[in-house]
Amino acid sequence: MMRSLWSAASGMKGQQKQMDIVAHNLANVNTTGAKAQRAEFQDLLYQTLRAGGAESGDGNMYPTPMQIGLGSRLSATNRIFVQGNVQTTDNPTDLCIQGEGFFQIQMPDGTIGYTRDGSFKIDADRNLVTSDGYPLEPAITFDANATLDTIVISPTGAVSWQDGQGNPGGPLQIDLARFLNPAGLTAVGKNLFIESAASGEPQVNQPGADGTGTLLQSCLEMSSVQIVDEMVNMIVSQRAYESNSKAITTSDSMLEIANGLKR
């Protein structure tokens, strides 16, 4: 009887974590370049009451084992890197990656971060930076007299512009990084990831080369979170939580009945 109490309790804990993930996904439904997360669960240990193939008498064997499971646990949170919808912005410094790849960002501590968020701005030093002021790597620096409406960024990452007199500037090059296992990247907030042992080392290429995606100027990749899917996940999680709580109250009632046999 006590097994059912602890098994149901583990199920309730797991559904609480599932709701945390669903809430996080819904909170980022309008976050540029955000990717939905998915909870993955595993069953826990089993108590083996009888092994499969044990003798049943008269030289016969039991064809199946007799095992009782002890609940479940959250085993992983998997980020699904699928292409989000493309939104046109008419801002020449907004970029969208079509296909695989990440923008490389110079972090304040000198390390390289990676992002799908292409909502770039031009800072006071004429550098192309993120919303938090982190520059692209390698740096994209415009001339002091470059005009914003003449900036052209090609699908292969070549950056050019003109000054007020029509003189050309550039070209500079935006490179993208690919990972063998992007789901293994570590999220650090601000739409940024850092590499890990699970993700492997980045493969840096020009956009469009060796399977790397291409760039779209004046566009942004929107969140890949699907509200309908998250609402369904929320309903399933709520019903599973209710079912596990019902299992606890039922087990408690059965224990109460057993305790009341002797008066």
Protein backbone atom coordinates (compact mmCIF):
# COMPACT_ATOMS: atom_id res chain seq x y z
CA MET A 1 0.00 0.00 0.00
CA MET A 2 2.82 2.38 0.82
CA ARG A 3 4.27 1.76 -2.64
CA SER A 4 1.20 3.30 -4.28
CA LEU A 5 1.49 6.40 -2.12
CA TRP A 6 5.09 7.07 -3.11
CA SER A 7 4.52 6.12 -6.76
CA ALA A 8 1.60 8.54 -7.04
CA ALA A 9 3.63 11.23 -5.25
CA SER A 10 6.42 10.86 -7.82
CA GLY A 11 3.81 11.23 -10.57
CA MET A 12 2.51 14.46 -9.03
CA LYS A 13 6.05 15.85 -8.76
CA GLY A 14 6.67 14.98 -12.41
CA GLN A 15 3.49 16.73 -13.54
CA GLN A 16 4.47 19.82 -11.55
CA LYS A 17 7.72 19.94 -13.55
CA GLN A 18 5.75 19.38 -16.76
CA MET A 19 3.59 22.40 -15.92
CA ASP A 20 6.74 24.45 -15.26
CA ILE A 21 7.93 23.65 -18.78
CA VAL A 22 4.52 24.36 -20.34
CA ALA A 23 4.38 27.72 -18.54
CA HIS A 24 7.90 28.57 -19.73
CA ASN A 25 6.94 27.75 -23.32
CA LEU A 26 3.81 29.89 -23.16
CA ALA A 27 5.75 32.76 -21.60
CA ASN A 28 8.07 32.74 -24.63
CA VAL A 29 5.42 32.51 -27.33
CA ASN A 30 6.46 35.99 -28.58
CA THR A 31 10.20 35.66 -27.90
CA THR A 32 12.25 36.05 -31.08
CA GLY A 33 13.96 32.80 -32.04
CA ALA A 34 12.67 30.90 -28.98
CA LYS A 35 12.43 27.11 -29.18
CA ALA A 36 9.86 25.02 -27.36
CA GLN A 37 11.00 22.60 -24.67
CA ARG A 38 9.59 19.12 -24.09
CA ALA A 39 9.61 17.14 -20.85
CA GLU A 40 10.79 13.53 -21.06
CA PHE A 41 10.07 11.02 -18.31
CA GLN A 42 11.45 7.64 -17.23
CA ASP A 43 10.03 4.95 -14.98
CA LEU A 44 11.83 4.35 -11.69
CA LEU A 45 13.07 1.12 -10.15
CA TYR A 46 11.00 -2.05 -10.07
CA GLN A 47 10.50 -4.43 -7.18
CA THR A 48 10.79 -7.93 -8.57
CA LEU A 49 8.47 -10.33 -6.76
CA ARG A 50 9.18 -13.17 -9.14
CA ALA A 51 11.69 -13.44 -11.97
CA GLY A 52 10.64 -14.39 -15.46
CA GLY A 53 11.38 -18.04 -16.19
CA ALA A 54 11.15 -19.06 -12.52
CA GLU A 55 9.86 -22.58 -11.92
CA SER A 56 6.14 -22.81 -11.25
CA GLY A 57 6.18 -26.47 -10.24
CA ASP A 58 5.92 -29.71 -12.18
CA GLY A 59 8.87 -28.58 -14.29
CA ASN A 60 7.00 -25.62 -15.77
CA MET A 61 8.17 -21.99 -15.87
CA TYR A 62 6.39 -18.71 -15.41
CA PRO A 63 6.40 -17.00 -18.82
CA THR A 64 6.51 -13.46 -17.43
CA PRO A 65 8.11 -11.81 -14.40
CA MET A 66 6.11 -10.32 -11.54
CA GLN A 67 7.31 -6.75 -11.00
CA ILE A 68 5.81 -3.68 -9.38
CA GLY A 69 7.01 -0.27 -10.53
CA LEU A 70 7.88 2.51 -8.11
CA GLY A 71 6.84 5.61 -10.04
CA SER A 72 8.45 7.95 -12.55
CA ARG A 73 10.86 10.86 -12.75
CA LEU A 74 11.81 13.67 -15.13
CA SER A 75 14.77 12.41 -17.17
CA ALA A 76 15.42 15.31 -19.56
CA THR A 77 14.13 18.58 -20.99
CA ASN A 78 14.63 18.49 -24.74
CA ARG A 79 14.65 21.75 -26.71
CA ILE A 80 13.13 21.24 -30.18
CA PHE A 81 15.11 23.19 -32.79
CA VAL A 82 12.57 23.50 -35.58
CA GLN A 83 12.25 26.50 -37.88
CA GLY A 84 9.94 29.21 -36.54
CA ASN A 85 7.69 31.37 -38.67
CA VAL A 86 9.28 34.30 -40.50
CA GLN A 87 8.02 37.83 -39.84
CA THR A 88 8.89 40.77 -42.08
CA THR A 89 10.01 43.89 -40.18
CA ASP A 90 11.42 46.28 -42.86
CA ASN A 91 14.35 46.94 -40.49
CA PRO A 92 17.61 46.42 -42.45
CA THR A 93 19.50 45.16 -39.37
CA ASP A 94 16.96 42.44 -38.57
CA LEU A 95 18.15 39.02 -39.73
CA CYS A 96 16.51 35.60 -39.91
CA ILE A 97 18.32 32.28 -40.33
CA GLN A 98 16.59 29.93 -42.74
CA GLY A 99 17.87 26.48 -41.88
CA GLU A 100 20.50 25.37 -39.39
CA GLY A 101 22.92 27.67 -37.62
CA PHE A 102 23.39 30.29 -34.92
CA PHE A 103 24.70 33.82 -34.82
CA GLN A 104 27.95 34.10 -32.86
CA ILE A 105 27.88 36.70 -30.08
CA GLN A 106 30.80 38.12 -28.08
CA MET A 107 29.86 37.79 -24.40
CA PRO A 108 31.06 40.28 -21.74
CA ASP A 109 33.42 37.64 -20.27
CA GLY A 110 35.07 37.07 -23.65
CA THR A 111 33.38 33.76 -24.42
CA ILE A 112 31.20 33.14 -27.47
CA GLY A 113 27.46 32.78 -27.13
CA TYR A 114 25.08 31.53 -29.79
CA THR A 115 21.59 32.74 -30.67
CA ARG A 116 18.82 32.48 -33.25
CA ASP A 117 17.61 35.97 -32.33
CA GLY A 118 18.53 38.25 -35.22
CA SER A 119 17.04 41.50 -33.90
CA PHE A 120 20.31 43.46 -34.15
CA LYS A 121 20.92 47.15 -33.60
CA ILE A 122 23.74 49.60 -34.33
CA ASP A 123 25.43 51.00 -31.21
CA ALA A 124 27.29 54.28 -30.69
CA ASP A 125 30.50 52.73 -32.07
CA ARG A 126 28.67 51.69 -35.28
CA ASN A 127 28.88 48.00 -34.33
CA LEU A 128 26.09 45.52 -35.04
CA VAL A 129 24.97 44.35 -31.58
CA THR A 130 22.19 42.46 -29.80
CA SER A 131 19.47 44.15 -27.76
CA ASP A 132 21.79 43.86 -24.73
CA GLY A 133 24.69 45.50 -26.57
CA TYR A 134 26.70 42.32 -27.21
CA PRO A 135 28.53 42.53 -30.57
CA LEU A 136 28.49 39.96 -33.34
CA GLU A 137 31.56 37.78 -33.77
CA PRO A 138 33.37 38.53 -36.04
CA ALA A 139 32.56 42.20 -35.50
CA ILE A 140 30.48 44.08 -38.08
CA THR A 141 31.44 47.77 -37.88
CA PHE A 142 29.94 50.34 -40.24
CA ASP A 143 31.61 53.54 -41.42
CA ALA A 144 30.69 56.68 -39.51
CA ASN A 145 28.97 58.15 -42.58
CA ALA A 146 27.11 54.98 -43.60
CA THR A 147 23.38 55.45 -44.13
CA LEU A 148 21.01 52.92 -42.55
CA ASP A 149 18.69 52.51 -45.53
CA THR A 150 21.59 51.48 -47.81
CA ILE A 151 22.71 48.51 -45.70
CA VAL A 152 22.49 45.29 -47.69
CA ILE A 153 23.06 41.83 -46.16
CA SER A 154 23.08 39.02 -48.70
CA PRO A 155 21.78 35.47 -48.08
CA THR A 156 25.42 34.34 -47.82
CA GLY A 157 26.21 36.90 -45.10
CA ALA A 158 28.04 39.59 -47.11
CA VAL A 159 27.43 43.05 -45.57
CA SER A 160 27.74 46.23 -47.66
CA TRP A 161 26.47 49.80 -47.50
CA GLN A 162 26.84 53.27 -48.98
CA ASP A 163 27.65 56.64 -47.46
CA GLY A 164 25.75 59.87 -48.06
CA GLN A 165 27.73 60.47 -51.26
CA GLY A 166 26.90 57.04 -52.70
CA ASN A 167 30.38 55.61 -52.06
CA PRO A 168 30.29 51.87 -51.28
CA GLY A 169 31.47 50.42 -47.96
CA GLY A 170 32.43 46.88 -47.02
CA PRO A 171 31.99 44.13 -47.75
CA LEU A 172 32.14 42.45 -44.34
CA GLN A 173 31.13 38.87 -43.59
CA ILE A 174 28.67 37.36 -41.09
CA ASP A 175 29.47 33.71 -40.27
CA LEU A 176 27.15 31.17 -38.68
CA ALA A 177 27.91 28.29 -36.32
CA ARG A 178 26.37 24.82 -36.57
CA PHE A 179 26.32 22.08 -33.93
CA LEU A 180 25.99 18.34 -34.37
CA ASN A 181 23.62 18.26 -31.39
CA PRO A 182 22.06 21.71 -30.87
CA ALA A 183 19.73 20.28 -28.21
CA GLY A 184 22.85 19.80 -26.08
CA LEU A 185 23.55 23.55 -25.90
CA THR A 186 23.23 25.20 -22.48
CA ALA A 187 20.76 28.10 -22.28
CA VAL A 188 22.08 31.07 -20.30
CA GLY A 189 19.20 33.53 -20.80
CA LYS A 190 18.91 36.61 -23.02
CA ASN A 191 18.18 34.26 -25.97
CA LEU A 192 21.77 32.98 -25.74
CA PHE A 193 23.31 29.51 -25.58
CA ILE A 194 26.82 28.31 -24.86
CA GLU A 195 28.43 25.14 -26.10
CA SER A 196 28.72 22.08 -23.88
CA ALA A 197 30.29 18.65 -24.07
CA ALA A 198 26.93 17.33 -25.29
CA SER A 199 26.55 19.85 -28.12
CA GLY A 200 30.05 19.33 -29.50
CA GLU A 201 32.27 22.03 -30.93
CA PRO A 202 30.82 24.61 -33.34
CA GLN A 203 31.34 24.28 -37.07
CA VAL A 204 31.70 27.83 -38.39
CA ASN A 205 30.81 28.49 -42.03
CA GLN A 206 29.50 31.17 -44.30
CA PRO A 207 25.70 31.04 -44.60
CA GLY A 208 24.67 28.52 -47.23
CA ALA A 209 27.90 26.46 -47.01
CA ASP A 210 28.11 22.83 -45.83
CA GLY A 211 24.50 22.59 -44.70
CA THR A 212 24.45 25.95 -42.91
CA GLY A 213 21.29 28.01 -43.32
CA THR A 214 21.04 31.25 -45.27
CA LEU A 215 20.10 34.75 -44.10
CA LEU A 216 17.00 36.81 -44.76
CA GLN A 217 17.38 40.57 -44.28
CA SER A 218 14.61 42.67 -42.71
CA CYS A 219 13.02 39.53 -41.25
CA LEU A 220 12.91 37.82 -37.86
CA GLU A 221 12.38 34.20 -36.88
CA MET A 222 9.49 34.03 -34.42
CA SER A 223 9.05 31.57 -31.57
CA SER A 224 8.47 27.93 -32.51
CA VAL A 225 6.07 27.49 -29.56
CA GLN A 226 2.62 26.33 -30.69
CA ILE A 227 -0.07 27.62 -28.32
CA VAL A 228 -2.53 24.84 -29.20
CA ASP A 229 0.05 22.14 -28.42
CA GLU A 230 0.91 23.76 -25.09
CA MET A 231 -2.77 24.03 -24.12
CA VAL A 232 -3.21 20.32 -24.85
CA ASN A 233 -0.10 19.54 -22.79
CA MET A 234 -1.51 21.66 -19.97
CA ILE A 235 -4.81 19.74 -19.98
CA VAL A 236 -3.05 16.36 -20.05
CA SER A 237 -0.75 17.41 -17.22
CA GLN A 238 -3.65 18.68 -15.11
CA ARG A 239 -5.63 15.45 -15.56
CA ALA A 240 -2.57 13.32 -14.80
CA TYR A 241 -1.95 15.36 -11.64
CA GLU A 242 -5.57 14.88 -10.58
CA SER A 243 -5.35 11.12 -11.26
CA ASN A 244 -2.20 10.76 -9.18
CA SER A 245 -3.73 12.76 -6.33
CA LYS A 246 -6.79 10.48 -6.53
CA ALA A 247 -4.49 7.46 -6.24
CA ILE A 248 -3.03 8.94 -3.03
CA THR A 249 -6.44 9.58 -1.47
CA THR A 250 -7.65 6.10 -2.49
CA SER A 251 -4.55 4.47 -0.97
CA ASP A 252 -5.09 6.50 2.19
CA SER A 253 -8.72 5.34 2.38
CA MET A 254 -7.65 1.72 1.96
CA LEU A 255 -5.10 2.12 4.76
CA GLU A 256 -7.78 3.65 6.95
CA ILE A 257 -10.06 0.66 6.30
CA ALA A 258 -7.22 -1.74 7.13
CA ASN A 259 -6.46 0.13 10.34
CA GLY A 260 -10.14 -0.04 11.34
CA LEU A 261 -10.35 -3.84 11.15
CA LYS A 262 -9.24 -4.16 14.78
CA ARG A 263 -11.39 -2.27 17.24
